[in-house]
């Protein structure tokens, strides 16, 4: 599942803030989760138990297919797309509508995981009382 390079513990509050930030930045997002070592769900939209099981299964299949651990997975289907990425013991998965910009989606996900690992999330992902993040990517609808 997540790679074995876990460097520390990420709090549920930090993961929730990061997930809220991703939701705000990604208008095509249908659902997402941040998963820690062993499939422990740190933050998720919807049923957190199901996210953990599915992320573990997705990476297990991807690892077996290539014969070695993969860093990221991208699945495109007619109904939408799945992006999964792991870094330093954490994994993030996002399900989007069809045709998001894959490179930007992975960039945003990778940045969130790096900031969580670096223990910068509370400063990086503040949520104002109105639920909108002032750091939202320019050009989005508020």
N, C-alpha and C. Protein backbone atom coordinates (compact mmCIF):
# COMPACT_ATOMS: atom_id res chain seq x y z
N UNK A 1 0.85 -1.17 0.00
CA UNK A 1 0.00 0.00 0.00
C UNK A 1 0.89 1.23 0.00
N UNK A 2 0.81 2.13 0.98
CA UNK A 2 1.76 3.23 0.96
C UNK A 2 3.18 2.68 1.03
N UNK A 3 4.13 3.43 0.48
CA UNK A 3 5.51 2.94 0.50
C UNK A 3 6.00 2.82 1.93
N UNK A 4 7.12 2.17 2.12
CA UNK A 4 7.61 1.89 3.46
C UNK A 4 8.40 3.03 4.10
N UNK A 5 8.52 4.15 3.43
CA UNK A 5 9.35 5.24 3.91
C UNK A 5 8.59 6.19 4.82
N UNK A 6 7.77 5.67 5.70
CA UNK A 6 7.03 6.53 6.61
C UNK A 6 8.01 7.28 7.49
N UNK A 7 7.83 8.60 7.56
CA UNK A 7 8.79 9.42 8.29
C UNK A 7 8.23 9.97 9.58
N UNK A 8 6.97 9.83 9.82
CA UNK A 8 6.40 10.37 11.04
C UNK A 8 4.90 10.18 11.03
N UNK A 9 4.25 10.74 12.03
CA UNK A 9 2.81 10.61 12.16
C UNK A 9 2.14 11.88 11.67
N UNK A 10 1.09 11.70 10.88
CA UNK A 10 0.30 12.82 10.39
C UNK A 10 -1.00 12.82 11.16
N UNK A 11 -1.38 13.95 11.71
CA UNK A 11 -2.61 14.02 12.49
C UNK A 11 -3.82 13.99 11.56
N UNK A 12 -4.92 13.53 12.12
CA UNK A 12 -6.18 13.53 11.37
C UNK A 12 -6.61 14.92 10.99
N UNK A 13 -6.37 15.90 11.88
CA UNK A 13 -6.73 17.29 11.57
C UNK A 13 -5.93 17.82 10.39
N UNK A 14 -4.64 17.51 10.35
CA UNK A 14 -3.80 17.96 9.24
C UNK A 14 -4.25 17.31 7.94
N UNK A 15 -4.56 16.01 7.99
CA UNK A 15 -5.02 15.31 6.79
C UNK A 15 -6.37 15.86 6.34
N UNK A 16 -7.27 16.13 7.27
CA UNK A 16 -8.58 16.71 6.92
C UNK A 16 -8.40 18.07 6.26
N UNK A 17 -7.49 18.89 6.79
CA UNK A 17 -7.23 20.20 6.20
C UNK A 17 -6.68 20.07 4.79
N UNK A 18 -5.77 19.12 4.60
CA UNK A 18 -5.19 18.91 3.27
C UNK A 18 -6.26 18.42 2.29
N UNK A 19 -7.13 17.54 2.74
CA UNK A 19 -8.18 17.02 1.88
C UNK A 19 -9.18 18.13 1.53
N UNK A 20 -9.50 18.97 2.48
CA UNK A 20 -10.40 20.11 2.21
C UNK A 20 -9.77 21.06 1.20
N UNK A 21 -8.47 21.27 1.33
CA UNK A 21 -7.75 22.13 0.39
C UNK A 21 -7.79 21.53 -1.01
N UNK A 22 -7.56 20.22 -1.14
CA UNK A 22 -7.62 19.55 -2.44
C UNK A 22 -9.02 19.67 -3.03
N UNK A 23 -10.03 19.50 -2.21
CA UNK A 23 -11.41 19.61 -2.67
C UNK A 23 -11.69 21.01 -3.21
N UNK A 24 -11.19 22.00 -2.53
CA UNK A 24 -11.37 23.39 -2.96
C UNK A 24 -10.62 23.68 -4.25
N UNK A 25 -9.44 23.10 -4.40
CA UNK A 25 -8.60 23.35 -5.58
C UNK A 25 -9.05 22.58 -6.82
N UNK A 26 -9.79 21.51 -6.64
CA UNK A 26 -10.10 20.60 -7.74
C UNK A 26 -11.61 20.57 -7.97
N UNK A 27 -12.10 21.41 -8.87
CA UNK A 27 -13.55 21.49 -9.07
C UNK A 27 -14.17 20.20 -9.62
N UNK A 28 -13.38 19.37 -10.29
CA UNK A 28 -13.89 18.12 -10.86
C UNK A 28 -13.86 16.95 -9.88
N UNK A 29 -13.44 17.18 -8.65
CA UNK A 29 -13.28 16.11 -7.67
C UNK A 29 -14.64 15.55 -7.23
N UNK A 30 -14.77 14.23 -7.26
CA UNK A 30 -15.98 13.57 -6.77
C UNK A 30 -15.78 13.04 -5.36
N UNK A 31 -14.55 12.63 -5.04
CA UNK A 31 -14.24 12.11 -3.72
C UNK A 31 -12.75 11.85 -3.62
N UNK A 32 -12.25 11.79 -2.38
CA UNK A 32 -10.82 11.60 -2.18
C UNK A 32 -10.56 11.08 -0.77
N UNK A 33 -9.34 10.57 -0.59
CA UNK A 33 -8.93 10.09 0.73
C UNK A 33 -7.42 10.19 0.86
N UNK A 34 -6.98 10.35 2.09
CA UNK A 34 -5.56 10.30 2.45
C UNK A 34 -5.42 9.12 3.40
N UNK A 35 -4.49 8.22 3.05
CA UNK A 35 -4.34 6.96 3.76
C UNK A 35 -2.92 6.84 4.30
N UNK A 36 -2.81 6.37 5.53
CA UNK A 36 -1.51 6.18 6.15
C UNK A 36 -1.05 4.74 6.04
N UNK A 37 0.01 4.41 6.74
CA UNK A 37 0.55 3.05 6.70
C UNK A 37 -0.50 2.01 7.08
N UNK A 38 -0.46 0.88 6.39
CA UNK A 38 -1.38 -0.22 6.68
C UNK A 38 -2.81 0.01 6.24
N UNK A 39 -3.05 1.08 5.50
CA UNK A 39 -4.40 1.35 5.03
C UNK A 39 -5.26 2.14 6.00
N UNK A 40 -4.65 2.71 7.04
CA UNK A 40 -5.39 3.52 7.99
C UNK A 40 -5.82 4.83 7.32
N UNK A 41 -7.12 5.07 7.27
CA UNK A 41 -7.64 6.27 6.61
C UNK A 41 -7.51 7.45 7.56
N UNK A 42 -6.76 8.46 7.12
CA UNK A 42 -6.55 9.67 7.92
C UNK A 42 -7.62 10.72 7.65
N UNK A 43 -8.11 10.77 6.40
CA UNK A 43 -9.16 11.70 6.02
C UNK A 43 -9.82 11.14 4.76
N UNK A 44 -11.13 11.33 4.66
CA UNK A 44 -11.82 10.79 3.48
C UNK A 44 -13.17 11.47 3.30
N UNK A 45 -13.60 11.50 2.07
CA UNK A 45 -14.99 11.85 1.80
C UNK A 45 -15.75 10.53 1.72
N UNK A 46 -16.92 10.48 2.29
CA UNK A 46 -17.70 9.25 2.25
C UNK A 46 -17.24 8.22 3.27
N UNK A 47 -17.42 6.95 2.94
CA UNK A 47 -17.14 5.83 3.84
C UNK A 47 -15.64 5.60 3.97
N UNK A 48 -15.07 5.98 5.08
CA UNK A 48 -13.62 5.88 5.25
C UNK A 48 -13.12 4.44 5.25
N UNK A 49 -13.90 3.50 5.77
CA UNK A 49 -13.47 2.09 5.76
C UNK A 49 -13.29 1.59 4.34
N UNK A 50 -14.19 1.95 3.48
CA UNK A 50 -14.13 1.49 2.09
C UNK A 50 -12.92 2.09 1.37
N UNK A 51 -12.62 3.36 1.61
CA UNK A 51 -11.47 3.99 0.97
C UNK A 51 -10.20 3.23 1.30
N UNK A 52 -9.98 2.89 2.56
CA UNK A 52 -8.76 2.20 2.96
C UNK A 52 -8.60 0.87 2.25
N UNK A 53 -9.66 0.09 2.21
CA UNK A 53 -9.62 -1.21 1.54
C UNK A 53 -9.31 -1.05 0.05
N UNK A 54 -9.96 -0.09 -0.58
CA UNK A 54 -9.80 0.09 -2.02
C UNK A 54 -8.41 0.61 -2.39
N UNK A 55 -7.85 1.49 -1.58
CA UNK A 55 -6.51 2.01 -1.86
C UNK A 55 -5.47 0.89 -1.74
N UNK A 56 -5.60 0.09 -0.70
CA UNK A 56 -4.69 -1.05 -0.52
C UNK A 56 -4.78 -1.98 -1.73
N UNK A 57 -6.00 -2.30 -2.15
CA UNK A 57 -6.19 -3.21 -3.29
C UNK A 57 -5.64 -2.61 -4.59
N UNK A 58 -5.89 -1.33 -4.82
CA UNK A 58 -5.41 -0.68 -6.04
C UNK A 58 -3.90 -0.73 -6.16
N UNK A 59 -3.20 -0.36 -5.09
CA UNK A 59 -1.74 -0.38 -5.14
C UNK A 59 -1.19 -1.82 -5.20
N UNK A 60 -1.86 -2.76 -4.56
CA UNK A 60 -1.41 -4.15 -4.62
C UNK A 60 -1.46 -4.67 -6.06
N UNK A 61 -2.54 -4.38 -6.76
CA UNK A 61 -2.66 -4.81 -8.16
C UNK A 61 -1.62 -4.11 -9.02
N UNK A 62 -1.46 -2.80 -8.84
CA UNK A 62 -0.48 -2.05 -9.64
C UNK A 62 0.94 -2.54 -9.38
N UNK A 63 1.26 -2.83 -8.14
CA UNK A 63 2.60 -3.33 -7.80
C UNK A 63 2.86 -4.69 -8.45
N UNK A 64 1.87 -5.58 -8.40
CA UNK A 64 2.03 -6.91 -9.01
C UNK A 64 2.18 -6.82 -10.53
N UNK A 65 1.45 -5.91 -11.14
CA UNK A 65 1.49 -5.80 -12.60
C UNK A 65 2.87 -5.39 -13.10
N UNK A 66 3.53 -4.52 -12.36
CA UNK A 66 4.85 -4.04 -12.78
C UNK A 66 6.01 -4.79 -12.16
N UNK A 67 5.73 -5.64 -11.19
CA UNK A 67 6.78 -6.39 -10.55
C UNK A 67 7.55 -5.62 -9.49
N UNK A 68 7.21 -4.36 -9.28
CA UNK A 68 7.85 -3.55 -8.24
C UNK A 68 6.87 -2.47 -7.80
N UNK A 69 7.11 -1.86 -6.64
CA UNK A 69 6.18 -0.83 -6.16
C UNK A 69 6.09 0.36 -7.12
N UNK A 70 4.87 0.82 -7.33
CA UNK A 70 4.65 1.99 -8.18
C UNK A 70 4.42 3.21 -7.30
N UNK A 71 4.75 4.37 -7.84
CA UNK A 71 4.53 5.61 -7.10
C UNK A 71 3.15 6.18 -7.36
N UNK A 72 2.68 6.06 -8.61
CA UNK A 72 1.38 6.64 -8.93
C UNK A 72 0.61 5.75 -9.90
N UNK A 73 -0.71 5.91 -9.85
CA UNK A 73 -1.62 5.15 -10.71
C UNK A 73 -2.64 6.14 -11.27
N UNK A 74 -2.94 6.01 -12.56
CA UNK A 74 -3.96 6.83 -13.19
C UNK A 74 -4.84 5.90 -14.02
N UNK A 75 -6.13 5.92 -13.73
CA UNK A 75 -7.08 5.09 -14.45
C UNK A 75 -8.14 6.01 -15.05
N UNK A 76 -8.33 5.90 -16.35
CA UNK A 76 -9.36 6.68 -17.03
C UNK A 76 -10.47 5.75 -17.49
N UNK A 77 -11.70 6.14 -17.23
CA UNK A 77 -12.87 5.37 -17.67
C UNK A 77 -13.90 6.35 -18.22
N UNK A 78 -14.87 5.82 -18.88
CA UNK A 78 -15.90 6.69 -19.45
C UNK A 78 -16.63 7.50 -18.37
N UNK A 79 -16.77 6.94 -17.17
CA UNK A 79 -17.51 7.61 -16.11
C UNK A 79 -16.67 8.59 -15.29
N UNK A 80 -15.35 8.51 -15.37
CA UNK A 80 -14.50 9.39 -14.59
C UNK A 80 -13.08 8.86 -14.54
N UNK A 81 -12.27 9.46 -13.68
CA UNK A 81 -10.87 9.06 -13.58
C UNK A 81 -10.46 8.88 -12.13
N UNK A 82 -9.47 8.02 -11.93
CA UNK A 82 -8.92 7.74 -10.60
C UNK A 82 -7.44 8.08 -10.63
N UNK A 83 -7.00 8.84 -9.64
CA UNK A 83 -5.60 9.19 -9.46
C UNK A 83 -5.18 8.71 -8.09
N UNK A 84 -4.08 7.99 -8.02
CA UNK A 84 -3.56 7.52 -6.73
C UNK A 84 -2.05 7.75 -6.72
N UNK A 85 -1.56 8.19 -5.59
CA UNK A 85 -0.15 8.54 -5.45
C UNK A 85 0.30 8.19 -4.04
N UNK A 86 1.51 7.71 -3.90
CA UNK A 86 2.04 7.46 -2.56
C UNK A 86 3.42 8.08 -2.42
N UNK A 87 3.67 8.51 -1.18
CA UNK A 87 4.93 9.19 -0.87
C UNK A 87 5.17 9.11 0.63
N UNK A 88 6.34 8.67 1.01
CA UNK A 88 6.80 8.68 2.40
C UNK A 88 5.80 8.06 3.38
N UNK A 89 5.23 6.92 3.00
CA UNK A 89 4.34 6.22 3.90
C UNK A 89 2.89 6.65 3.82
N UNK A 90 2.58 7.64 3.02
CA UNK A 90 1.21 8.11 2.85
C UNK A 90 0.75 7.82 1.43
N UNK A 91 -0.54 7.75 1.26
CA UNK A 91 -1.13 7.63 -0.07
C UNK A 91 -2.31 8.58 -0.15
N UNK A 92 -2.54 9.10 -1.34
CA UNK A 92 -3.71 9.94 -1.58
C UNK A 92 -4.37 9.41 -2.84
N UNK A 93 -5.68 9.35 -2.82
CA UNK A 93 -6.44 8.89 -3.98
C UNK A 93 -7.56 9.89 -4.23
N UNK A 94 -7.80 10.16 -5.51
CA UNK A 94 -8.85 11.10 -5.89
C UNK A 94 -9.63 10.52 -7.06
N UNK A 95 -10.94 10.64 -7.00
CA UNK A 95 -11.81 10.25 -8.09
C UNK A 95 -12.41 11.54 -8.64
N UNK A 96 -12.30 11.71 -9.96
CA UNK A 96 -12.74 12.95 -10.59
C UNK A 96 -13.74 12.68 -11.70
N UNK A 97 -14.32 13.74 -12.17
CA UNK A 97 -15.11 13.67 -13.39
C UNK A 97 -14.16 13.33 -14.53
N UNK A 98 -14.67 13.15 -15.71
CA UNK A 98 -13.87 12.79 -16.87
C UNK A 98 -13.07 13.99 -17.37
N UNK A 99 -11.85 13.75 -17.80
CA UNK A 99 -10.96 14.69 -18.48
C UNK A 99 -10.40 15.83 -17.61
N UNK A 100 -10.02 15.58 -16.37
CA UNK A 100 -9.28 16.63 -15.65
C UNK A 100 -7.86 16.69 -16.22
N UNK A 101 -7.15 17.72 -15.93
CA UNK A 101 -5.76 17.82 -16.37
C UNK A 101 -4.92 16.93 -15.44
N UNK A 102 -4.49 15.78 -15.95
CA UNK A 102 -3.81 14.77 -15.13
C UNK A 102 -2.53 15.31 -14.50
N UNK A 103 -1.74 16.04 -15.25
CA UNK A 103 -0.47 16.53 -14.71
C UNK A 103 -0.71 17.48 -13.54
N UNK A 104 -1.71 18.32 -13.62
CA UNK A 104 -2.02 19.25 -12.54
C UNK A 104 -2.60 18.51 -11.33
N UNK A 105 -3.44 17.54 -11.59
CA UNK A 105 -4.01 16.75 -10.50
C UNK A 105 -2.91 16.04 -9.71
N UNK A 106 -1.98 15.39 -10.43
CA UNK A 106 -0.88 14.73 -9.73
C UNK A 106 0.03 15.73 -9.03
N UNK A 107 0.27 16.88 -9.63
CA UNK A 107 1.10 17.91 -9.00
C UNK A 107 0.48 18.35 -7.68
N UNK A 108 -0.83 18.63 -7.69
CA UNK A 108 -1.51 19.06 -6.46
C UNK A 108 -1.46 17.97 -5.39
N UNK A 109 -1.71 16.73 -5.79
CA UNK A 109 -1.69 15.62 -4.83
C UNK A 109 -0.29 15.42 -4.25
N UNK A 110 0.72 15.46 -5.11
CA UNK A 110 2.11 15.29 -4.65
C UNK A 110 2.50 16.42 -3.68
N UNK A 111 2.11 17.63 -4.00
CA UNK A 111 2.42 18.77 -3.13
C UNK A 111 1.78 18.61 -1.76
N UNK A 112 0.53 18.15 -1.73
CA UNK A 112 -0.15 17.94 -0.45
C UNK A 112 0.56 16.90 0.40
N UNK A 113 0.94 15.78 -0.21
CA UNK A 113 1.63 14.74 0.56
C UNK A 113 2.98 15.23 1.06
N UNK A 114 3.71 15.93 0.24
CA UNK A 114 5.02 16.45 0.67
C UNK A 114 4.86 17.42 1.84
N UNK A 115 3.86 18.28 1.77
CA UNK A 115 3.64 19.22 2.87
C UNK A 115 3.18 18.50 4.14
N UNK A 116 2.36 17.48 3.99
CA UNK A 116 1.95 16.71 5.17
C UNK A 116 3.15 16.03 5.83
N UNK A 117 4.01 15.43 5.01
CA UNK A 117 5.20 14.75 5.54
C UNK A 117 6.14 15.75 6.20
N UNK A 118 6.24 16.95 5.62
CA UNK A 118 7.11 17.98 6.17
C UNK A 118 6.49 18.69 7.37
N UNK A 119 5.30 18.24 7.76
CA UNK A 119 4.58 18.80 8.90
C UNK A 119 4.27 20.28 8.72
N UNK A 120 3.95 20.68 7.48
CA UNK A 120 3.57 22.05 7.20
C UNK A 120 2.07 22.23 6.97
N UNK A 121 1.24 21.21 7.18
CA UNK A 121 -0.14 21.32 6.72
C UNK A 121 -0.98 22.38 7.42
N UNK A 122 -0.80 22.59 8.70
CA UNK A 122 -1.66 23.56 9.36
C UNK A 122 -1.41 24.98 8.85
N UNK A 123 -0.17 25.28 8.52
CA UNK A 123 0.13 26.58 7.94
C UNK A 123 -0.26 26.63 6.47
N UNK A 124 -0.10 25.51 5.78
CA UNK A 124 -0.33 25.49 4.34
C UNK A 124 -1.81 25.36 3.97
N UNK A 125 -2.63 24.79 4.84
CA UNK A 125 -4.00 24.51 4.47
C UNK A 125 -5.02 25.12 5.43
N UNK A 126 -4.89 26.41 5.74
CA UNK A 126 -5.88 26.99 6.66
C UNK A 126 -7.23 27.11 5.97
N UNK A 127 -8.29 26.84 6.71
CA UNK A 127 -9.63 26.97 6.17
C UNK A 127 -10.35 28.11 6.88
N UNK A 128 -10.69 29.16 6.14
CA UNK A 128 -11.43 30.26 6.75
C UNK A 128 -12.80 29.80 7.22
N UNK A 129 -13.45 30.59 8.04
CA UNK A 129 -14.74 30.22 8.60
C UNK A 129 -15.80 29.99 7.54
N UNK A 130 -15.70 30.68 6.39
CA UNK A 130 -16.71 30.51 5.34
C UNK A 130 -16.48 29.24 4.51
N UNK A 131 -15.41 28.47 4.82
CA UNK A 131 -15.15 27.22 4.13
C UNK A 131 -14.40 27.38 2.82
N UNK A 132 -14.15 28.60 2.39
CA UNK A 132 -13.41 28.84 1.15
C UNK A 132 -11.96 29.13 1.49
N UNK A 133 -11.06 28.64 0.69
CA UNK A 133 -9.64 28.85 0.94
C UNK A 133 -9.14 29.97 0.04
N UNK A 134 -8.54 31.00 0.63
CA UNK A 134 -8.03 32.13 -0.12
C UNK A 134 -6.90 31.76 -1.04
N UNK A 135 -6.28 30.60 -0.85
CA UNK A 135 -5.16 30.18 -1.68
C UNK A 135 -5.60 29.39 -2.90
N UNK A 136 -6.90 29.36 -3.15
CA UNK A 136 -7.42 28.60 -4.28
C UNK A 136 -6.78 29.07 -5.58
N UNK A 137 -6.54 28.12 -6.46
CA UNK A 137 -5.92 28.41 -7.74
C UNK A 137 -6.72 29.48 -8.49
N UNK A 138 -6.03 30.47 -9.04
CA UNK A 138 -6.69 31.55 -9.79
C UNK A 138 -7.48 30.97 -10.95
N UNK A 139 -8.61 31.59 -11.22
CA UNK A 139 -9.43 31.18 -12.34
C UNK A 139 -10.60 30.29 -11.95
N UNK A 140 -10.63 29.84 -10.69
CA UNK A 140 -11.73 28.99 -10.25
C UNK A 140 -12.92 29.82 -9.84
N UNK A 141 -14.08 29.20 -9.84
CA UNK A 141 -15.30 29.90 -9.41
C UNK A 141 -15.37 29.85 -7.90
N UNK A 142 -15.74 30.94 -7.29
CA UNK A 142 -15.90 30.97 -5.82
C UNK A 142 -17.33 30.79 -5.43
